Amino acid sequence: MRYLLGTELLAPADLALGLAAVCWGYLTMRVQTRFFRVASGDGRGGPKTR
């Protein structure tokens, strides 16, 4: 498959950097949803339209 797509394996340092970026994004979203919940009742984050 690598030959077909013309890709290469990542170097260990690049792989670690990518993994750290994914973990950072995941943790950021978890903190955001835990501490900055939306107060509106529609669950979408927008203003109430009633």
Protein backbone atom coordinates (compact mmCIF):
# COMPACT_ATOMS: atom_id res chain seq x y z
CA MET A 1 0.00 0.00 0.00
CA ARG A 2 2.89 2.38 0.73
CA TYR A 3 4.23 1.79 -2.77
CA LEU A 4 0.82 2.46 -4.32
CA LEU A 5 0.33 5.73 -2.41
CA GLY A 6 3.98 6.77 -2.46
CA THR A 7 4.23 7.29 1.30
CA GLU A 8 7.01 6.71 3.82
CA LEU A 9 7.12 5.75 7.47
CA LEU A 10 7.38 8.61 9.93
CA ALA A 11 10.55 9.10 11.91
CA PRO A 12 10.09 8.41 15.64
CA ALA A 13 10.42 12.10 16.50
CA ASP A 14 7.75 13.07 13.95
CA LEU A 15 5.46 10.31 15.19
CA ALA A 16 5.87 11.53 18.78
CA LEU A 17 5.13 15.11 17.71
CA GLY A 18 1.96 14.04 15.91
CA LEU A 19 0.82 11.97 18.87
CA ALA A 20 1.45 14.88 21.23
CA ALA A 21 -0.61 17.18 18.99
CA VAL A 22 -3.52 14.74 18.95
CA CYS A 23 -3.41 14.33 22.73
CA TRP A 24 -3.22 18.10 23.24
CA GLY A 25 -6.31 18.62 21.05
CA TYR A 26 -8.21 15.88 22.85
CA LEU A 27 -7.37 17.26 26.30
CA THR A 28 -8.26 20.79 25.21
CA MET A 29 -11.71 19.68 24.08
CA ARG A 30 -12.27 17.71 27.30
CA VAL A 31 -11.38 20.75 29.44
CA GLN A 32 -13.55 23.00 27.28
CA THR A 33 -16.61 20.77 27.59
CA ARG A 34 -16.06 20.31 31.34
CA PHE A 35 -15.62 23.93 32.34
CA PHE A 36 -17.40 25.91 29.62
CA ARG A 37 -20.79 24.32 29.29
CA VAL A 38 -23.49 26.08 27.29
CA ALA A 39 -26.28 27.60 29.35
CA SER A 40 -28.96 27.48 26.64
CA GLY A 41 -31.47 24.67 26.63
CA ASP A 42 -31.30 23.72 22.96
CA GLY A 43 -27.96 21.93 23.28
CA ARG A 44 -26.48 23.55 20.17
CA GLY A 45 -24.88 26.56 21.83
CA GLY A 46 -26.97 29.18 20.08
CA PRO A 47 -29.42 31.63 21.60
CA LYS A 48 -32.90 30.47 22.42
CA THR A 49 -35.33 31.24 19.62
CA ARG A 50 -38.58 31.38 21.49
